[in-house]
C-alpha atoms as a PDB file:
ATOM      1  CA  MET A   1     -60.782 -18.464 -12.276  1.00  0.00           C
ATOM      2  CA  THR A   2     -57.433 -17.803 -13.883  1.00  0.00           C
ATOM      3  CA  ASP A   3     -54.317 -18.062 -11.761  1.00  0.00           C
ATOM      4  CA  LYS A   4     -52.456 -14.782 -12.290  1.00  0.00           C
ATOM      5  CA  ARG A   5     -49.552 -15.756  -9.964  1.00  0.00           C
ATOM      6  CA  PRO A   6     -48.733 -19.408 -10.677  1.00  0.00           C
ATOM      7  CA  GLU A   7     -45.576 -19.260  -8.548  1.00  0.00           C
ATOM      8  CA  LEU A   8     -47.790 -18.772  -5.485  1.00  0.00           C
ATOM      9  CA  LEU A   9     -50.532 -21.222  -6.438  1.00  0.00           C
ATOM     10  CA  SER A  10     -48.631 -24.008  -8.122  1.00  0.00           C
ATOM     11  CA  HIS A  11     -51.426 -26.565  -7.625  1.00  0.00           C
ATOM     12  CA  ILE A  12     -53.915 -24.507  -9.651  1.00  0.00           C
ATOM     13  CA  ALA A  13     -54.045 -24.939 -13.418  1.00  0.00           C
ATOM     14  CA  ALA A  14     -54.732 -22.008 -15.759  1.00  0.00           C
ATOM     15  CA  ASP A  15     -58.422 -23.004 -15.913  1.00  0.00           C
ATOM     16  CA  GLY A  16     -58.682 -22.976 -12.086  1.00  0.00           C
ATOM     17  CA  SER A  17     -58.693 -26.740 -11.625  1.00  0.00           C
ATOM     18  CA  ALA A  18     -56.481 -28.553  -9.133  1.00  0.00           C
ATOM     19  CA  ARG A  19     -53.403 -30.204 -10.598  1.00  0.00           C
ATOM     20  CA  MET A  20     -50.243 -31.979  -9.503  1.00  0.00           C
ATOM     21  CA  VAL A  21     -47.169 -29.824 -10.053  1.00  0.00           C
ATOM     22  CA  ASP A  22     -44.857 -31.042 -12.820  1.00  0.00           C
ATOM     23  CA  VAL A  23     -41.426 -31.444 -11.209  1.00  0.00           C
ATOM     24  CA  SER A  24     -39.786 -33.315 -14.098  1.00  0.00           C
ATOM     25  CA  ALA A  25     -37.502 -30.373 -15.025  1.00  0.00           C
ATOM     26  CA  LYS A  26     -36.309 -29.770 -11.460  1.00  0.00           C
ATOM     27  CA  PRO A  27     -32.878 -31.027 -10.422  1.00  0.00           C
ATOM     28  CA  GLU A  28     -32.574 -33.600  -7.671  1.00  0.00           C
ATOM     29  CA  THR A  29     -31.249 -32.024  -4.486  1.00  0.00           C
ATOM     30  CA  ALA A  30     -30.947 -33.016  -0.850  1.00  0.00           C
ATOM     31  CA  ARG A  31     -34.188 -32.152   0.968  1.00  0.00           C
ATOM     32  CA  PHE A  32     -34.908 -31.954   4.684  1.00  0.00           C
ATOM     33  CA  ALA A  33     -37.959 -30.986   6.760  1.00  0.00           C
ATOM     34  CA  ARG A  34     -38.662 -30.922  10.495  1.00  0.00           C
ATOM     35  CA  ALA A  35     -42.182 -30.628  11.903  1.00  0.00           C
ATOM     36  CA  THR A  36     -43.405 -30.469  15.481  1.00  0.00           C
ATOM     37  CA  GLY A  37     -46.621 -30.784  17.445  1.00  0.00           C
ATOM     38  CA  ALA A  38     -47.951 -31.677  20.866  1.00  0.00           C
ATOM     39  CA  ILE A  39     -50.811 -33.382  22.629  1.00  0.00           C
ATOM     40  CA  VAL A  40     -52.016 -32.009  25.957  1.00  0.00           C
ATOM     41  CA  MET A  41     -53.599 -34.377  28.472  1.00  0.00           C
ATOM     42  CA  ALA A  42     -54.395 -34.908  32.124  1.00  0.00           C
ATOM     43  CA  PRO A  43     -51.322 -35.424  34.323  1.00  0.00           C
ATOM     44  CA  SER A  44     -52.580 -38.917  35.219  1.00  0.00           C
ATOM     45  CA  THR A  45     -52.758 -39.859  31.536  1.00  0.00           C
ATOM     46  CA  LEU A  46     -49.201 -38.666  30.948  1.00  0.00           C
ATOM     47  CA  ALA A  47     -48.047 -40.636  33.995  1.00  0.00           C
ATOM     48  CA  ALA A  48     -49.718 -43.796  32.664  1.00  0.00           C
ATOM     49  CA  ILE A  49     -48.109 -43.321  29.233  1.00  0.00           C
ATOM     50  CA  ALA A  50     -44.676 -42.690  30.755  1.00  0.00           C
ATOM     51  CA  ALA A  51     -45.032 -45.787  32.961  1.00  0.00           C
ATOM     52  CA  ASN A  52     -46.184 -47.891  29.989  1.00  0.00           C
ATOM     53  CA  ALA A  53     -49.276 -48.745  32.019  1.00  0.00           C
ATOM     54  CA  LEU A  54     -52.017 -48.505  29.374  1.00  0.00           C
ATOM     55  CA  ALA A  55     -53.828 -51.678  28.339  1.00  0.00           C
ATOM     56  CA  LYS A  56     -53.147 -51.064  24.621  1.00  0.00           C
ATOM     57  CA  GLY A  57     -49.383 -51.268  25.145  1.00  0.00           C
ATOM     58  CA  ASP A  58     -46.383 -48.988  24.692  1.00  0.00           C
ATOM     59  CA  VAL A  59     -48.010 -45.781  23.460  1.00  0.00           C
ATOM     60  CA  LEU A  60     -44.789 -43.982  22.557  1.00  0.00           C
ATOM     61  CA  ALA A  61     -43.296 -46.909  20.623  1.00  0.00           C
ATOM     62  CA  VAL A  62     -46.493 -47.455  18.643  1.00  0.00           C
ATOM     63  CA  ALA A  63     -46.889 -43.718  17.938  1.00  0.00           C
ATOM     64  CA  ARG A  64     -43.265 -43.515  16.720  1.00  0.00           C
ATOM     65  CA  LEU A  65     -43.847 -46.405  14.314  1.00  0.00           C
ATOM     66  CA  ALA A  66     -47.171 -44.923  13.160  1.00  0.00           C
ATOM     67  CA  GLY A  67     -45.459 -41.619  12.383  1.00  0.00           C
ATOM     68  CA  ILE A  68     -42.748 -43.306  10.335  1.00  0.00           C
ATOM     69  CA  MET A  69     -45.307 -45.357   8.415  1.00  0.00           C
ATOM     70  CA  ALA A  70     -47.455 -42.264   7.802  1.00  0.00           C
ATOM     71  CA  ALA A  71     -44.551 -40.296   6.331  1.00  0.00           C
ATOM     72  CA  LYS A  72     -44.042 -43.109   3.820  1.00  0.00           C
ATOM     73  CA  ARG A  73     -47.752 -42.997   2.851  1.00  0.00           C
ATOM     74  CA  THR A  74     -48.252 -39.225   2.565  1.00  0.00           C
ATOM     75  CA  ALA A  75     -48.945 -39.301  -1.178  1.00  0.00           C
ATOM     76  CA  ASP A  76     -51.789 -41.765  -0.497  1.00  0.00           C
ATOM     77  CA  LEU A  77     -53.378 -39.306   1.958  1.00  0.00           C
ATOM     78  CA  ILE A  78     -52.788 -35.859   0.431  1.00  0.00           C
ATOM     79  CA  PRO A  79     -54.215 -35.841  -3.111  1.00  0.00           C
ATOM     80  CA  LEU A  80     -51.665 -33.645  -4.906  1.00  0.00           C
ATOM     81  CA  CYS A  81     -48.482 -34.815  -3.136  1.00  0.00           C
ATOM     82  CA  HIS A  82     -45.863 -36.625  -5.173  1.00  0.00           C
ATOM     83  CA  PRO A  83     -44.802 -40.100  -4.067  1.00  0.00           C
ATOM     84  CA  ILE A  84     -41.294 -39.578  -2.698  1.00  0.00           C
ATOM     85  CA  ALA A  85     -38.555 -42.099  -2.005  1.00  0.00           C
ATOM     86  CA  LEU A  86     -37.622 -41.111   1.532  1.00  0.00           C
ATOM     87  CA  THR A  87     -34.052 -41.707   2.677  1.00  0.00           C
ATOM     88  CA  ASP A  88     -34.698 -41.130   6.395  1.00  0.00           C
ATOM     89  CA  VAL A  89     -37.614 -40.616   8.766  1.00  0.00           C
ATOM     90  CA  ALA A  90     -37.016 -40.038  12.468  1.00  0.00           C
ATOM     91  CA  VAL A  91     -39.879 -39.467  14.916  1.00  0.00           C
ATOM     92  CA  THR A  92     -39.135 -38.485  18.498  1.00  0.00           C
ATOM     93  CA  LEU A  93     -41.673 -38.316  21.297  1.00  0.00           C
ATOM     94  CA  GLU A  94     -40.907 -36.574  24.577  1.00  0.00           C
ATOM     95  CA  PRO A  95     -43.196 -36.611  27.600  1.00  0.00           C
ATOM     96  CA  ASP A  96     -43.409 -33.063  28.966  1.00  0.00           C
ATOM     97  CA  ASP A  97     -44.777 -32.466  32.462  1.00  0.00           C
ATOM     98  CA  SER A  98     -45.077 -28.736  31.747  1.00  0.00           C
ATOM     99  CA  LEU A  99     -47.865 -29.319  29.193  1.00  0.00           C
ATOM    100  CA  PRO A 100     -48.724 -31.924  30.578  1.00  0.00           C
ATOM    101  CA  GLY A 101     -48.483 -34.099  27.491  1.00  0.00           C
ATOM    102  CA  VAL A 102     -46.173 -35.324  24.772  1.00  0.00           C
ATOM    103  CA  ARG A 103     -44.181 -33.298  22.253  1.00  0.00           C
ATOM    104  CA  VAL A 104     -43.561 -34.928  18.877  1.00  0.00           C
ATOM    105  CA  GLU A 105     -40.946 -34.072  16.275  1.00  0.00           C
ATOM    106  CA  ALA A 106     -40.415 -35.634  12.854  1.00  0.00           C
ATOM    107  CA  VAL A 107     -37.352 -35.182  10.672  1.00  0.00           C
ATOM    108  CA  VAL A 108     -37.631 -36.385   7.077  1.00  0.00           C
ATOM    109  CA  ARG A 109     -34.930 -36.490   4.387  1.00  0.00           C
ATOM    110  CA  THR A 110     -34.692 -37.358   0.723  1.00  0.00           C
ATOM    111  CA  VAL A 111     -32.728 -36.585  -2.412  1.00  0.00           C
ATOM    112  CA  GLY A 112     -35.297 -35.633  -4.983  1.00  0.00           C
ATOM    113  CA  LYS A 113     -37.146 -33.082  -7.081  1.00  0.00           C
ATOM    114  CA  THR A 114     -39.626 -31.951  -4.420  1.00  0.00           C
ATOM    115  CA  GLY A 115     -39.594 -31.300  -0.704  1.00  0.00           C
ATOM    116  CA  VAL A 116     -40.649 -33.395   2.266  1.00  0.00           C
ATOM    117  CA  GLU A 117     -42.575 -30.850   4.341  1.00  0.00           C
ATOM    118  CA  MET A 118     -45.857 -32.712   3.972  1.00  0.00           C
ATOM    119  CA  GLU A 119     -44.219 -35.998   4.948  1.00  0.00           C
ATOM    120  CA  ALA A 120     -42.847 -34.453   8.163  1.00  0.00           C
ATOM    121  CA  LEU A 121     -46.207 -32.845   9.012  1.00  0.00           C
ATOM    122  CA  THR A 122     -48.047 -36.093   8.277  1.00  0.00           C
ATOM    123  CA  ALA A 123     -45.657 -38.067  10.497  1.00  0.00           C
ATOM    124  CA  VAL A 124     -46.277 -35.725  13.441  1.00  0.00           C
ATOM    125  CA  SER A 125     -50.040 -35.676  12.848  1.00  0.00           C
ATOM    126  CA  VAL A 126     -50.396 -39.447  12.773  1.00  0.00           C
ATOM    127  CA  ALA A 127     -48.085 -39.944  15.761  1.00  0.00           C
ATOM    128  CA  LEU A 128     -50.271 -37.510  17.740  1.00  0.00           C
ATOM    129  CA  LEU A 129     -53.477 -39.193  16.570  1.00  0.00           C
ATOM    130  CA  THR A 130     -52.033 -42.558  17.596  1.00  0.00           C
ATOM    131  CA  ILE A 131     -51.336 -41.269  21.097  1.00  0.00           C
ATOM    132  CA  TYR A 132     -54.932 -40.037  21.271  1.00  0.00           C
ATOM    133  CA  ASP A 133     -56.273 -43.371  20.047  1.00  0.00           C
ATOM    134  CA  MET A 134     -54.268 -45.421  22.489  1.00  0.00           C
ATOM    135  CA  ALA A 135     -55.059 -43.231  25.524  1.00  0.00           C
ATOM    136  CA  LYS A 136     -58.612 -42.100  24.770  1.00  0.00           C
ATOM    137  CA  ALA A 137     -60.186 -44.654  27.129  1.00  0.00           C
ATOM    138  CA  MET A 138     -58.411 -42.841  29.947  1.00  0.00           C
ATOM    139  CA  ASP A 139     -58.727 -39.227  28.719  1.00  0.00           C
ATOM    140  CA  ARG A 140     -61.061 -38.118  25.929  1.00  0.00           C
ATOM    141  CA  SER A 141     -60.285 -34.441  26.596  1.00  0.00           C
ATOM    142  CA  MET A 142     -56.769 -34.611  25.126  1.00  0.00           C
ATOM    143  CA  THR A 143     -56.008 -31.775  22.713  1.00  0.00           C
ATOM    144  CA  ILE A 144     -53.679 -31.965  19.714  1.00  0.00           C
ATOM    145  CA  THR A 145     -51.969 -28.621  19.304  1.00  0.00           C
ATOM    146  CA  ASP A 146     -49.158 -26.599  17.729  1.00  0.00           C
ATOM    147  CA  LEU A 147     -48.694 -28.696  14.585  1.00  0.00           C
ATOM    148  CA  SER A 148     -46.267 -26.758  12.399  1.00  0.00           C
ATOM    149  CA  LEU A 149     -43.347 -26.886  10.027  1.00  0.00           C
ATOM    150  CA  ALA A 150     -40.299 -25.968  12.132  1.00  0.00           C
ATOM    151  CA  GLU A 151     -37.745 -25.884   9.346  1.00  0.00           C
ATOM    152  CA  LYS A 152     -36.952 -27.077   5.854  1.00  0.00           C
ATOM    153  CA  MET A 153     -33.947 -27.001   3.554  1.00  0.00           C
ATOM    154  CA  GLY A 154     -33.369 -27.716  -0.106  1.00  0.00           C
ATOM    155  CA  GLY A 155     -34.982 -26.856  -3.381  1.00  0.00           C
ATOM    156  CA  ALA A 156     -35.456 -23.586  -5.239  1.00  0.00           C
ATOM    157  CA  SER A 157     -37.296 -21.884  -2.374  1.00  0.00           C
ATOM    158  CA  GLY A 158     -34.289 -22.375  -0.088  1.00  0.00           C
ATOM    159  CA  ALA A 159     -34.355 -22.636   3.675  1.00  0.00           C
ATOM    160  CA  PHE A 160     -37.169 -21.850   6.072  1.00  0.00           C
ATOM    161  CA  ALA A 161     -37.130 -21.759   9.871  1.00  0.00           C
ATOM    162  CA  ARG A 162     -39.842 -20.972  12.384  1.00  0.00           C
ATOM    163  CA  VAL A 163     -38.540 -18.904  15.298  1.00  0.00           C
ATOM    164  CA  ASP A 164     -40.635 -18.273  18.436  1.00  0.00           C
ATOM    165  CA  GLY A 165     -43.825 -19.025  16.520  1.00  0.00           C
ATOM    166  CA  ALA A 166     -43.067 -16.394  13.863  1.00  0.00           C
ATOM    167  CA  ARG A 167     -42.341 -17.317  10.284  1.00  0.00           C
ATOM    168  CA  VAL A 168     -38.763 -16.453   9.406  1.00  0.00           C
ATOM    169  CA  ALA A 169     -36.987 -17.361   6.182  1.00  0.00           C
ATOM    170  CA  PRO A 170     -33.200 -17.416   6.779  1.00  0.00           C
END
């Protein structure tokens, strides 16, 4: 298979094999990405998490730390991601009675040759998985949902923002 549109499939070599993108000629620029996701659970599980009443400890604090650590290890998890020196990772977790569940957001920043979208998505994913792990003894029916890139800035492709679930490039 020959890649006829390499700008769209940058991880595919001319012979069709997977490859890491060569970013050596790209300039270093400020990069930013924000990802979001949620975990839906029984109201009693959310109440126990909010009250810090689970036997495994403070679910939200552990999930926040897990998300930060995951962002820093993204290149170890996603085969073609570049190792990136991150300058900031912030993970916020908000209990939401309307779900019921927890909403998670990760904001990741760097100055570099490639973006941090995967790092933000990985941070949210692992934070959500950590919540599931810590609360599964109480509620195995929890559902991880709505994982998405909310916005990104920097690089040649410019800015991207998700509005009302629709993809919009500003």
